[in-house]
């Protein structure tokens, strides 16, 4: 029996909407997560939750909203998910946005 890979849904670059992104980033915790990810180092949810001082379940919820808005990308690595900022996609759609958010 072969193992099947879980597909993690990410919105296409064409479907990114500034209003959705800004509404999602209206929460200070999510904005802090984006600022943490601004160094472009992939991080696991547990690492992000520790840095934010949030329970893993709360962090997971915030990461789901960021991914669904098209702000972050999650990549499966075994049972873990590595989270990164979709910097190139965001810059292509909304030039300068990441720089403003991560100041």
N, C-alpha and C. Protein backbone atom coordinates (compact mmCIF):
# COMPACT_ATOMS: atom_id res chain seq x y z
N UNK A 1 0.85 -1.17 0.00
CA UNK A 1 0.00 0.00 0.00
C UNK A 1 0.90 1.24 0.00
N UNK A 2 0.71 2.12 -0.93
CA UNK A 2 1.54 3.32 -1.01
C UNK A 2 0.89 4.47 -0.25
N UNK A 3 1.74 5.26 0.36
CA UNK A 3 1.24 6.42 1.11
C UNK A 3 0.87 7.53 0.14
N UNK A 4 -0.24 8.18 0.38
CA UNK A 4 -0.65 9.30 -0.47
C UNK A 4 -0.26 10.59 0.21
N UNK A 5 0.16 11.53 -0.58
CA UNK A 5 0.56 12.84 -0.05
C UNK A 5 -0.66 13.71 0.14
N UNK A 6 -0.71 14.36 1.25
CA UNK A 6 -1.79 15.30 1.53
C UNK A 6 -1.57 16.55 0.70
N UNK A 7 -2.60 16.98 0.01
CA UNK A 7 -2.50 18.21 -0.78
C UNK A 7 -2.94 19.37 0.08
N UNK A 8 -2.09 20.36 0.18
CA UNK A 8 -2.39 21.56 0.95
C UNK A 8 -2.83 22.63 -0.04
N UNK A 9 -4.05 23.12 0.11
CA UNK A 9 -4.58 24.10 -0.84
C UNK A 9 -4.01 25.49 -0.57
N UNK A 10 -3.59 26.12 -1.66
CA UNK A 10 -3.15 27.51 -1.63
C UNK A 10 -3.87 28.24 -2.76
N UNK A 11 -4.35 29.45 -2.51
CA UNK A 11 -5.00 30.19 -3.59
C UNK A 11 -3.99 30.52 -4.69
N UNK A 12 -4.47 30.54 -5.91
CA UNK A 12 -3.61 30.89 -7.04
C UNK A 12 -3.23 32.37 -6.94
N UNK A 13 -2.15 32.71 -7.59
CA UNK A 13 -1.70 34.10 -7.58
C UNK A 13 -2.76 35.02 -8.19
N UNK A 14 -3.47 34.51 -9.18
CA UNK A 14 -4.51 35.30 -9.84
C UNK A 14 -5.69 35.61 -8.93
N UNK A 15 -5.89 34.80 -7.90
CA UNK A 15 -7.05 34.99 -7.03
C UNK A 15 -6.73 35.81 -5.77
N UNK A 16 -5.49 36.26 -5.60
CA UNK A 16 -5.14 37.05 -4.43
C UNK A 16 -5.86 38.40 -4.48
N UNK A 17 -6.48 38.77 -3.36
CA UNK A 17 -7.22 40.02 -3.28
C UNK A 17 -6.68 40.85 -2.13
N UNK A 18 -6.39 42.10 -2.42
CA UNK A 18 -5.84 42.99 -1.41
C UNK A 18 -6.77 43.14 -0.21
N UNK A 19 -8.08 43.24 -0.46
CA UNK A 19 -9.03 43.40 0.65
C UNK A 19 -8.99 42.20 1.60
N UNK A 20 -8.90 41.00 1.05
CA UNK A 20 -8.83 39.79 1.87
C UNK A 20 -7.53 39.75 2.66
N UNK A 21 -6.44 40.10 2.01
CA UNK A 21 -5.14 40.11 2.67
C UNK A 21 -5.13 41.11 3.82
N UNK A 22 -5.61 42.31 3.58
CA UNK A 22 -5.60 43.34 4.61
C UNK A 22 -6.54 42.99 5.77
N UNK A 23 -7.69 42.40 5.44
CA UNK A 23 -8.63 41.99 6.50
C UNK A 23 -7.99 40.90 7.37
N UNK A 24 -7.29 39.96 6.73
CA UNK A 24 -6.63 38.89 7.46
C UNK A 24 -5.52 39.44 8.35
N UNK A 25 -4.79 40.42 7.86
CA UNK A 25 -3.68 41.01 8.61
C UNK A 25 -4.13 42.05 9.63
N UNK A 26 -5.43 42.28 9.72
CA UNK A 26 -5.96 43.20 10.71
C UNK A 26 -5.81 42.69 12.13
N UNK A 27 -5.54 41.40 12.27
CA UNK A 27 -5.31 40.82 13.59
C UNK A 27 -3.83 40.98 13.93
N UNK A 28 -3.49 41.58 15.07
CA UNK A 28 -2.08 41.82 15.42
C UNK A 28 -1.23 40.55 15.49
N UNK A 29 -1.81 39.43 15.90
CA UNK A 29 -1.06 38.17 15.98
C UNK A 29 -0.65 37.74 14.58
N UNK A 30 -1.57 37.82 13.62
CA UNK A 30 -1.26 37.41 12.26
C UNK A 30 -0.22 38.35 11.63
N UNK A 31 -0.31 39.63 11.91
CA UNK A 31 0.68 40.57 11.41
C UNK A 31 2.06 40.26 12.01
N UNK A 32 2.09 39.91 13.29
CA UNK A 32 3.35 39.52 13.92
C UNK A 32 3.93 38.25 13.30
N UNK A 33 3.06 37.31 12.93
CA UNK A 33 3.53 36.08 12.27
C UNK A 33 4.17 36.44 10.93
N UNK A 34 3.55 37.32 10.17
CA UNK A 34 4.12 37.75 8.88
C UNK A 34 5.48 38.41 9.11
N UNK A 35 5.60 39.22 10.12
CA UNK A 35 6.88 39.88 10.42
C UNK A 35 7.93 38.84 10.82
N UNK A 36 7.52 37.80 11.55
CA UNK A 36 8.45 36.73 11.91
C UNK A 36 8.94 36.00 10.66
N UNK A 37 8.04 35.78 9.71
CA UNK A 37 8.38 35.04 8.49
C UNK A 37 9.11 35.89 7.45
N UNK A 38 9.26 37.18 7.72
CA UNK A 38 9.85 38.09 6.74
C UNK A 38 11.31 37.78 6.42
N UNK A 39 11.98 36.99 7.27
CA UNK A 39 13.38 36.62 6.98
C UNK A 39 13.47 35.46 5.99
N UNK A 40 12.31 34.99 5.52
CA UNK A 40 12.20 33.93 4.50
C UNK A 40 12.75 32.58 4.94
N UNK A 41 12.89 32.37 6.25
CA UNK A 41 13.28 31.07 6.78
C UNK A 41 12.02 30.24 7.02
N UNK A 42 11.92 29.04 6.45
CA UNK A 42 10.75 28.19 6.73
C UNK A 42 10.70 27.85 8.21
N UNK A 43 9.50 27.90 8.77
CA UNK A 43 9.32 27.60 10.19
C UNK A 43 8.16 26.63 10.38
N UNK A 44 8.30 25.79 11.41
CA UNK A 44 7.21 24.88 11.78
C UNK A 44 6.22 25.63 12.66
N UNK A 45 5.00 25.15 12.68
CA UNK A 45 3.95 25.77 13.49
C UNK A 45 4.38 25.86 14.95
N UNK A 46 4.99 24.81 15.48
CA UNK A 46 5.39 24.82 16.89
C UNK A 46 6.43 25.90 17.16
N UNK A 47 7.32 26.14 16.20
CA UNK A 47 8.33 27.19 16.35
C UNK A 47 7.66 28.57 16.35
N UNK A 48 6.70 28.75 15.46
CA UNK A 48 5.98 30.03 15.37
C UNK A 48 5.16 30.25 16.65
N UNK A 49 4.49 29.21 17.13
CA UNK A 49 3.67 29.37 18.34
C UNK A 49 4.54 29.74 19.54
N UNK A 50 5.73 29.16 19.62
CA UNK A 50 6.65 29.49 20.71
C UNK A 50 7.09 30.94 20.64
N UNK A 51 7.42 31.40 19.44
CA UNK A 51 7.86 32.78 19.26
C UNK A 51 6.74 33.77 19.54
N UNK A 52 5.50 33.37 19.26
CA UNK A 52 4.35 34.25 19.46
C UNK A 52 3.78 34.15 20.87
N UNK A 53 4.20 33.13 21.62
CA UNK A 53 3.65 32.93 22.95
C UNK A 53 2.19 32.51 22.90
N UNK A 54 1.83 31.76 21.87
CA UNK A 54 0.46 31.30 21.66
C UNK A 54 0.42 29.77 21.71
N UNK A 55 -0.68 29.18 22.13
CA UNK A 55 -0.82 27.72 22.04
C UNK A 55 -0.72 27.28 20.57
N UNK A 56 -0.25 26.07 20.34
CA UNK A 56 -0.11 25.56 18.97
C UNK A 56 -1.46 25.58 18.26
N UNK A 57 -2.53 25.25 18.96
CA UNK A 57 -3.86 25.23 18.32
C UNK A 57 -4.26 26.62 17.84
N UNK A 58 -3.98 27.64 18.62
CA UNK A 58 -4.29 29.02 18.23
C UNK A 58 -3.43 29.44 17.06
N UNK A 59 -2.15 29.10 17.12
CA UNK A 59 -1.24 29.44 16.03
C UNK A 59 -1.65 28.74 14.74
N UNK A 60 -2.04 27.50 14.85
CA UNK A 60 -2.49 26.73 13.69
C UNK A 60 -3.69 27.40 13.02
N UNK A 61 -4.61 27.90 13.83
CA UNK A 61 -5.78 28.62 13.31
C UNK A 61 -5.34 29.87 12.54
N UNK A 62 -4.45 30.66 13.13
CA UNK A 62 -3.96 31.87 12.46
C UNK A 62 -3.22 31.53 11.18
N UNK A 63 -2.42 30.47 11.20
CA UNK A 63 -1.69 30.06 10.00
C UNK A 63 -2.62 29.61 8.89
N UNK A 64 -3.71 28.95 9.27
CA UNK A 64 -4.71 28.54 8.27
C UNK A 64 -5.31 29.76 7.59
N UNK A 65 -5.65 30.77 8.36
CA UNK A 65 -6.23 31.98 7.77
C UNK A 65 -5.23 32.70 6.88
N UNK A 66 -3.97 32.75 7.29
CA UNK A 66 -2.94 33.38 6.47
C UNK A 66 -2.74 32.62 5.16
N UNK A 67 -2.75 31.29 5.22
CA UNK A 67 -2.60 30.47 4.01
C UNK A 67 -3.80 30.65 3.09
N UNK A 68 -4.99 30.62 3.64
CA UNK A 68 -6.20 30.75 2.81
C UNK A 68 -6.31 32.13 2.16
N UNK A 69 -5.71 33.15 2.78
CA UNK A 69 -5.70 34.50 2.19
C UNK A 69 -4.61 34.64 1.14
N UNK A 70 -3.70 33.66 1.07
CA UNK A 70 -2.63 33.71 0.09
C UNK A 70 -1.37 34.40 0.58
N UNK A 71 -1.26 34.59 1.87
CA UNK A 71 -0.12 35.32 2.43
C UNK A 71 1.05 34.38 2.71
N UNK A 72 0.74 33.15 3.10
CA UNK A 72 1.79 32.18 3.42
C UNK A 72 1.62 30.92 2.59
N UNK A 73 2.67 30.12 2.58
CA UNK A 73 2.65 28.81 1.93
C UNK A 73 3.06 27.78 2.96
N UNK A 74 2.36 26.66 2.98
CA UNK A 74 2.69 25.55 3.87
C UNK A 74 3.16 24.38 3.01
N UNK A 75 4.29 23.80 3.41
CA UNK A 75 4.85 22.65 2.69
C UNK A 75 4.96 21.50 3.67
N UNK A 76 4.39 20.36 3.27
CA UNK A 76 4.43 19.18 4.14
C UNK A 76 5.83 18.60 4.15
N UNK A 77 6.31 18.31 5.35
CA UNK A 77 7.59 17.63 5.54
C UNK A 77 7.36 16.60 6.63
N UNK A 78 7.07 15.38 6.21
CA UNK A 78 6.68 14.34 7.16
C UNK A 78 5.35 14.73 7.78
N UNK A 79 5.31 14.72 9.11
CA UNK A 79 4.07 15.10 9.80
C UNK A 79 4.02 16.60 10.10
N UNK A 80 5.09 17.30 9.78
CA UNK A 80 5.17 18.74 10.04
C UNK A 80 4.82 19.55 8.80
N UNK A 81 4.52 20.80 9.03
CA UNK A 81 4.28 21.76 7.94
C UNK A 81 5.30 22.88 8.10
N UNK A 82 6.02 23.16 7.03
CA UNK A 82 6.95 24.29 7.04
C UNK A 82 6.24 25.48 6.41
N UNK A 83 6.23 26.58 7.12
CA UNK A 83 5.49 27.77 6.72
C UNK A 83 6.47 28.82 6.21
N UNK A 84 6.15 29.42 5.07
CA UNK A 84 6.94 30.52 4.52
C UNK A 84 5.99 31.61 4.03
N UNK A 85 6.53 32.79 3.91
CA UNK A 85 5.81 33.93 3.36
C UNK A 85 5.81 33.82 1.84
N UNK A 86 4.69 34.11 1.20
CA UNK A 86 4.62 34.08 -0.26
C UNK A 86 5.10 35.44 -0.82
N UNK A 87 6.30 35.80 -0.46
CA UNK A 87 6.85 37.11 -0.78
C UNK A 87 6.81 37.41 -2.28
N UNK A 88 7.28 36.50 -3.12
CA UNK A 88 7.33 36.76 -4.56
C UNK A 88 5.94 36.96 -5.15
N UNK A 89 4.99 36.12 -4.73
CA UNK A 89 3.62 36.26 -5.24
C UNK A 89 2.99 37.57 -4.77
N UNK A 90 3.19 37.90 -3.51
CA UNK A 90 2.62 39.15 -2.98
C UNK A 90 3.26 40.36 -3.66
N UNK A 91 4.56 40.30 -3.88
CA UNK A 91 5.26 41.41 -4.54
C UNK A 91 4.80 41.57 -5.99
N UNK A 92 4.55 40.45 -6.67
CA UNK A 92 4.08 40.50 -8.06
C UNK A 92 2.70 41.15 -8.16
N UNK A 93 1.84 40.85 -7.19
CA UNK A 93 0.47 41.39 -7.22
C UNK A 93 0.37 42.78 -6.60
N UNK A 94 1.11 43.00 -5.53
CA UNK A 94 0.99 44.24 -4.76
C UNK A 94 2.40 44.75 -4.42
N UNK A 95 3.07 45.38 -5.39
CA UNK A 95 4.46 45.82 -5.18
C UNK A 95 4.59 46.70 -3.93
N UNK A 96 5.57 46.36 -3.10
CA UNK A 96 5.85 47.14 -1.91
C UNK A 96 5.06 46.75 -0.68
N UNK A 97 4.05 45.91 -0.82
CA UNK A 97 3.19 45.55 0.32
C UNK A 97 3.97 44.86 1.42
N UNK A 98 4.79 43.89 1.08
CA UNK A 98 5.53 43.15 2.10
C UNK A 98 6.45 44.09 2.87
N UNK A 99 7.11 45.00 2.16
CA UNK A 99 8.00 45.95 2.84
C UNK A 99 7.23 46.81 3.84
N UNK A 100 6.05 47.24 3.46
CA UNK A 100 5.23 48.07 4.37
C UNK A 100 4.80 47.25 5.57
N UNK A 101 4.41 46.01 5.36
CA UNK A 101 3.92 45.16 6.44
C UNK A 101 5.01 44.75 7.42
N UNK A 102 6.23 44.63 6.93
CA UNK A 102 7.29 44.07 7.76
C UNK A 102 8.21 45.13 8.37
N UNK A 103 7.86 46.39 8.27
CA UNK A 103 8.66 47.46 8.89
C UNK A 103 8.53 47.42 10.39
